[in-house]
N, C-alpha and C. Protein backbone atom coordinates (compact mmCIF):
# COMPACT_ATOMS: atom_id res chain seq x y z
N MET A 1 -26.30 56.54 16.66
CA MET A 1 -26.13 57.98 16.60
C MET A 1 -26.02 58.46 15.16
N SER A 2 -26.77 57.87 14.28
CA SER A 2 -26.69 58.28 12.89
C SER A 2 -27.21 59.70 12.68
N TRP A 3 -28.15 60.14 13.51
CA TRP A 3 -28.65 61.51 13.38
C TRP A 3 -27.53 62.50 13.68
N TRP A 4 -26.64 62.16 14.63
CA TRP A 4 -25.54 63.06 14.96
C TRP A 4 -24.56 63.15 13.79
N SER A 5 -24.25 62.03 13.17
CA SER A 5 -23.32 62.07 12.04
C SER A 5 -23.94 62.79 10.85
N THR A 6 -25.26 62.70 10.70
CA THR A 6 -25.93 63.42 9.62
C THR A 6 -25.82 64.93 9.85
N TRP A 7 -26.11 65.38 11.07
CA TRP A 7 -26.00 66.82 11.36
C TRP A 7 -24.57 67.29 11.26
N ARG A 8 -23.64 66.47 11.68
CA ARG A 8 -22.22 66.83 11.60
C ARG A 8 -21.82 66.98 10.14
N ALA A 9 -22.28 66.08 9.28
CA ALA A 9 -21.97 66.18 7.85
C ALA A 9 -22.59 67.44 7.26
N LYS A 10 -23.81 67.78 7.67
CA LYS A 10 -24.44 69.01 7.18
C LYS A 10 -23.65 70.22 7.62
N TYR A 11 -23.20 70.22 8.88
CA TYR A 11 -22.40 71.35 9.38
C TYR A 11 -21.08 71.45 8.61
N GLU A 12 -20.43 70.33 8.35
CA GLU A 12 -19.17 70.36 7.59
C GLU A 12 -19.40 70.88 6.18
N HIS A 13 -20.55 70.55 5.57
CA HIS A 13 -20.87 71.07 4.24
C HIS A 13 -21.05 72.59 4.29
N VAL A 14 -21.73 73.07 5.33
CA VAL A 14 -21.94 74.52 5.48
C VAL A 14 -20.59 75.22 5.68
N VAL A 15 -19.69 74.61 6.45
CA VAL A 15 -18.36 75.19 6.65
C VAL A 15 -17.60 75.24 5.34
N GLU A 16 -17.70 74.18 4.53
CA GLU A 16 -17.04 74.19 3.22
C GLU A 16 -17.59 75.29 2.33
N GLU A 17 -18.91 75.49 2.38
CA GLU A 17 -19.55 76.46 1.48
C GLU A 17 -19.34 77.90 1.96
N TYR A 18 -19.46 78.16 3.26
CA TYR A 18 -19.43 79.52 3.77
C TYR A 18 -18.16 79.87 4.53
N GLY A 19 -17.33 78.91 4.85
CA GLY A 19 -16.04 79.15 5.47
C GLY A 19 -16.12 79.81 6.84
N THR A 20 -15.43 80.92 6.96
CA THR A 20 -15.31 81.62 8.24
C THR A 20 -16.66 82.04 8.79
N ALA A 21 -17.58 82.40 7.94
CA ALA A 21 -18.90 82.84 8.42
C ALA A 21 -19.60 81.72 9.19
N ALA A 22 -19.46 80.47 8.74
CA ALA A 22 -20.08 79.35 9.45
C ALA A 22 -19.43 79.14 10.80
N ILE A 23 -18.12 79.26 10.85
CA ILE A 23 -17.41 79.07 12.12
C ILE A 23 -17.76 80.17 13.10
N VAL A 24 -17.83 81.41 12.62
CA VAL A 24 -18.19 82.54 13.50
C VAL A 24 -19.61 82.37 14.01
N THR A 25 -20.54 81.96 13.15
CA THR A 25 -21.92 81.74 13.58
C THR A 25 -21.97 80.67 14.66
N TYR A 26 -21.24 79.59 14.47
CA TYR A 26 -21.19 78.50 15.45
C TYR A 26 -20.63 78.99 16.78
N ILE A 27 -19.55 79.75 16.73
CA ILE A 27 -18.93 80.24 17.97
C ILE A 27 -19.85 81.22 18.69
N VAL A 28 -20.51 82.10 17.95
CA VAL A 28 -21.43 83.06 18.58
C VAL A 28 -22.58 82.31 19.25
N LEU A 29 -23.14 81.32 18.58
CA LEU A 29 -24.22 80.54 19.19
C LEU A 29 -23.73 79.78 20.42
N ARG A 30 -22.54 79.25 20.33
CA ARG A 30 -21.96 78.54 21.49
C ARG A 30 -21.78 79.47 22.68
N LEU A 31 -21.24 80.65 22.42
CA LEU A 31 -21.05 81.63 23.50
C LEU A 31 -22.38 82.10 24.07
N CYS A 32 -23.37 82.28 23.21
CA CYS A 32 -24.70 82.68 23.71
C CYS A 32 -25.28 81.61 24.61
N ALA A 33 -25.13 80.35 24.24
CA ALA A 33 -25.62 79.26 25.08
C ALA A 33 -24.87 79.23 26.40
N LEU A 34 -23.56 79.38 26.35
CA LEU A 34 -22.75 79.35 27.57
C LEU A 34 -23.12 80.49 28.51
N VAL A 35 -23.22 81.71 27.97
CA VAL A 35 -23.57 82.87 28.78
C VAL A 35 -25.01 82.74 29.29
N GLY A 36 -25.90 82.26 28.46
CA GLY A 36 -27.28 82.08 28.88
C GLY A 36 -27.41 81.11 30.04
N PHE A 37 -26.72 79.99 29.95
CA PHE A 37 -26.76 79.03 31.06
C PHE A 37 -26.07 79.59 32.29
N TYR A 38 -24.99 80.32 32.11
CA TYR A 38 -24.30 80.92 33.25
C TYR A 38 -25.23 81.88 34.00
N VAL A 39 -25.90 82.74 33.23
CA VAL A 39 -26.83 83.70 33.84
C VAL A 39 -27.98 82.95 34.53
N ALA A 40 -28.51 81.93 33.88
CA ALA A 40 -29.61 81.17 34.48
C ALA A 40 -29.18 80.51 35.79
N ILE A 41 -27.98 79.96 35.81
CA ILE A 41 -27.50 79.29 37.02
C ILE A 41 -27.25 80.31 38.13
N THR A 42 -26.66 81.46 37.79
CA THR A 42 -26.41 82.46 38.83
C THR A 42 -27.70 83.07 39.35
N GLN A 43 -28.76 83.03 38.55
CA GLN A 43 -30.04 83.58 38.98
C GLN A 43 -30.88 82.55 39.73
N GLY A 44 -30.34 81.36 39.94
CA GLY A 44 -31.05 80.40 40.78
C GLY A 44 -31.56 79.17 40.08
N PHE A 45 -31.30 78.99 38.80
CA PHE A 45 -31.73 77.76 38.12
C PHE A 45 -30.94 76.60 38.71
N ASP A 46 -31.64 75.57 39.17
CA ASP A 46 -30.99 74.45 39.84
C ASP A 46 -30.58 73.40 38.82
N VAL A 47 -29.29 73.12 38.76
CA VAL A 47 -28.79 72.09 37.85
C VAL A 47 -28.37 70.84 38.60
N GLY A 48 -28.77 70.71 39.83
CA GLY A 48 -28.47 69.53 40.62
C GLY A 48 -27.06 69.56 41.17
N SER A 49 -26.41 68.41 41.17
CA SER A 49 -25.08 68.29 41.78
C SER A 49 -23.98 68.86 40.92
N THR A 50 -24.24 69.14 39.66
CA THR A 50 -23.20 69.66 38.78
C THR A 50 -22.66 70.98 39.27
N ALA A 51 -23.54 71.87 39.71
CA ALA A 51 -23.10 73.19 40.16
C ALA A 51 -22.24 73.09 41.41
N GLY A 52 -22.53 72.16 42.27
CA GLY A 52 -21.78 72.03 43.51
C GLY A 52 -20.37 71.51 43.29
N SER A 53 -20.19 70.60 42.34
CA SER A 53 -18.87 69.99 42.16
C SER A 53 -18.01 70.72 41.13
N ALA A 54 -18.61 71.36 40.17
CA ALA A 54 -17.82 71.97 39.10
C ALA A 54 -17.83 73.49 39.14
N GLY A 55 -18.65 74.09 39.92
CA GLY A 55 -18.76 75.53 39.93
C GLY A 55 -19.73 76.00 38.86
N THR A 56 -19.99 77.28 38.89
CA THR A 56 -21.00 77.84 38.00
C THR A 56 -20.57 77.76 36.54
N VAL A 57 -19.32 78.11 36.25
CA VAL A 57 -18.85 78.09 34.85
C VAL A 57 -18.84 76.65 34.33
N GLY A 58 -18.41 75.71 35.15
CA GLY A 58 -18.40 74.31 34.74
C GLY A 58 -19.80 73.79 34.49
N ALA A 59 -20.73 74.16 35.34
CA ALA A 59 -22.11 73.73 35.14
C ALA A 59 -22.69 74.35 33.88
N ALA A 60 -22.37 75.61 33.62
CA ALA A 60 -22.85 76.27 32.40
C ALA A 60 -22.24 75.60 31.17
N TRP A 61 -20.96 75.26 31.24
CA TRP A 61 -20.32 74.58 30.11
C TRP A 61 -20.96 73.23 29.87
N ALA A 62 -21.21 72.46 30.94
CA ALA A 62 -21.82 71.14 30.80
C ALA A 62 -23.23 71.24 30.21
N ALA A 63 -23.98 72.22 30.67
CA ALA A 63 -25.34 72.40 30.14
C ALA A 63 -25.31 72.81 28.68
N SER A 64 -24.38 73.68 28.30
CA SER A 64 -24.30 74.09 26.89
C SER A 64 -23.78 72.95 26.03
N LYS A 65 -22.94 72.08 26.58
CA LYS A 65 -22.44 70.92 25.83
C LYS A 65 -23.57 69.93 25.57
N VAL A 66 -24.47 69.79 26.53
CA VAL A 66 -25.61 68.89 26.36
C VAL A 66 -26.51 69.38 25.23
N THR A 67 -26.61 70.69 25.08
CA THR A 67 -27.47 71.25 24.04
C THR A 67 -26.74 71.46 22.71
N GLN A 68 -25.55 70.88 22.56
CA GLN A 68 -24.75 71.06 21.35
C GLN A 68 -25.51 70.71 20.07
N PRO A 69 -26.25 69.60 20.00
CA PRO A 69 -26.97 69.33 18.75
C PRO A 69 -27.94 70.45 18.37
N LEU A 70 -28.53 71.09 19.36
CA LEU A 70 -29.47 72.18 19.08
C LEU A 70 -28.76 73.36 18.43
N TRP A 71 -27.68 73.83 19.02
CA TRP A 71 -27.06 75.01 18.43
C TRP A 71 -26.21 74.69 17.22
N MET A 72 -25.82 73.40 17.02
CA MET A 72 -25.16 73.03 15.77
C MET A 72 -26.18 73.07 14.63
N GLY A 73 -27.39 72.60 14.92
CA GLY A 73 -28.46 72.70 13.92
C GLY A 73 -28.82 74.14 13.62
N LEU A 74 -28.84 74.97 14.66
CA LEU A 74 -29.09 76.40 14.43
C LEU A 74 -28.00 77.03 13.57
N ALA A 75 -26.76 76.63 13.78
CA ALA A 75 -25.67 77.17 12.97
C ALA A 75 -25.85 76.78 11.50
N VAL A 76 -26.28 75.54 11.25
CA VAL A 76 -26.51 75.09 9.87
C VAL A 76 -27.62 75.92 9.22
N VAL A 77 -28.67 76.19 9.98
CA VAL A 77 -29.82 76.92 9.43
C VAL A 77 -29.53 78.42 9.32
N LEU A 78 -28.88 79.01 10.31
CA LEU A 78 -28.71 80.46 10.35
C LEU A 78 -27.54 81.00 9.54
N THR A 79 -26.55 80.18 9.23
CA THR A 79 -25.37 80.69 8.52
C THR A 79 -25.71 81.33 7.18
N PRO A 80 -26.52 80.71 6.31
CA PRO A 80 -26.84 81.39 5.03
C PRO A 80 -27.53 82.74 5.24
N PHE A 81 -28.41 82.83 6.25
CA PHE A 81 -29.07 84.10 6.52
C PHE A 81 -28.08 85.14 7.05
N ALA A 82 -27.17 84.71 7.91
CA ALA A 82 -26.17 85.62 8.45
C ALA A 82 -25.26 86.15 7.35
N VAL A 83 -24.90 85.30 6.40
CA VAL A 83 -24.04 85.73 5.29
C VAL A 83 -24.78 86.73 4.41
N ARG A 84 -26.04 86.45 4.11
CA ARG A 84 -26.82 87.41 3.30
C ARG A 84 -26.96 88.74 4.01
N PHE A 85 -27.21 88.72 5.31
CA PHE A 85 -27.33 89.95 6.09
C PHE A 85 -26.02 90.72 6.09
N TRP A 86 -24.92 90.02 6.29
CA TRP A 86 -23.60 90.67 6.30
C TRP A 86 -23.28 91.30 4.95
N ARG A 87 -23.63 90.62 3.88
CA ARG A 87 -23.35 91.16 2.54
C ARG A 87 -24.19 92.40 2.26
N ARG A 88 -25.38 92.49 2.83
CA ARG A 88 -26.20 93.71 2.66
C ARG A 88 -25.61 94.87 3.43
N LEU A 89 -24.99 94.60 4.57
CA LEU A 89 -24.41 95.68 5.37
C LEU A 89 -23.14 96.25 4.76
N ARG A 90 -22.37 95.41 4.13
CA ARG A 90 -21.10 95.86 3.57
C ARG A 90 -21.35 96.59 2.26
N PRO A 91 -20.61 97.67 2.01
CA PRO A 91 -20.75 98.32 0.71
C PRO A 91 -20.12 97.42 -0.36
N PRO A 92 -20.61 97.53 -1.58
CA PRO A 92 -20.02 96.69 -2.64
C PRO A 92 -18.57 97.10 -2.88
N PRO A 93 -17.75 96.16 -3.27
CA PRO A 93 -16.35 96.51 -3.51
C PRO A 93 -16.24 97.47 -4.70
N PRO A 94 -15.27 98.37 -4.65
CA PRO A 94 -15.13 99.32 -5.77
C PRO A 94 -14.74 98.58 -7.05
N THR A 95 -15.29 99.05 -8.14
CA THR A 95 -14.94 98.44 -9.42
C THR A 95 -13.57 98.96 -9.84
N PRO A 96 -12.74 98.09 -10.31
CA PRO A 96 -11.40 98.56 -10.70
C PRO A 96 -11.48 99.45 -11.93
N ALA A 97 -10.63 100.45 -11.95
CA ALA A 97 -10.58 101.36 -13.10
C ALA A 97 -10.02 100.61 -14.30
N PRO A 98 -10.54 100.93 -15.47
CA PRO A 98 -10.01 100.25 -16.66
C PRO A 98 -8.55 100.67 -16.87
N PRO A 99 -7.76 99.77 -17.41
CA PRO A 99 -6.36 100.13 -17.64
C PRO A 99 -6.27 101.26 -18.66
N PRO A 100 -5.29 102.14 -18.51
CA PRO A 100 -5.17 103.25 -19.47
C PRO A 100 -4.86 102.71 -20.86
N SER A 101 -5.46 103.35 -21.83
CA SER A 101 -5.21 102.91 -23.20
C SER A 101 -3.81 103.36 -23.61
N PRO A 102 -3.12 102.52 -24.31
CA PRO A 102 -1.76 102.90 -24.71
C PRO A 102 -1.81 104.05 -25.72
N THR A 103 -0.96 105.00 -25.52
CA THR A 103 -0.91 106.13 -26.47
C THR A 103 -0.05 105.73 -27.65
N PRO A 104 -0.55 106.03 -28.85
CA PRO A 104 0.23 105.63 -30.02
C PRO A 104 1.51 106.48 -30.10
N PRO A 105 2.56 105.91 -30.64
CA PRO A 105 3.79 106.68 -30.77
C PRO A 105 3.58 107.85 -31.76
N PRO A 106 4.30 108.92 -31.57
CA PRO A 106 4.14 110.05 -32.52
C PRO A 106 4.51 109.66 -33.93
N ASP A 107 3.75 110.21 -34.88
CA ASP A 107 3.99 109.91 -36.28
C ASP A 107 5.15 110.77 -36.78
N PRO A 108 6.24 110.17 -37.22
CA PRO A 108 7.41 110.95 -37.66
C PRO A 108 7.15 111.72 -38.96
N THR A 109 6.15 111.34 -39.74
CA THR A 109 5.87 112.03 -41.01
C THR A 109 4.90 113.18 -40.82
N ALA A 110 4.37 113.37 -39.66
CA ALA A 110 3.41 114.44 -39.44
C ALA A 110 4.14 115.77 -39.36
N PRO A 111 3.53 116.86 -39.97
CA PRO A 111 4.21 118.17 -39.95
C PRO A 111 4.22 118.82 -38.59
């Protein structure tokens, strides 16, 4: 399973580089897979004996778990694009105002 450890290492590198954005991308892809399989199963997609013993949600979870390498790879590929897209949507942070210049003390010899 060296391919799995390679993808896992790539995903961990993306998480280190992008942080929360990588985790959110992964969770969104996971939920999309879960909901997609749930809808497919409720619409009549036959998953064999899994649906009968575990129920629809369990069968959807099992099917999405089987496809984990696919959406983990998608998370690695899509996270940089998602971050760039998010940064374009957000307005740039305001530039801080320069500190006020200190006023010189009054000159006691001035008339």
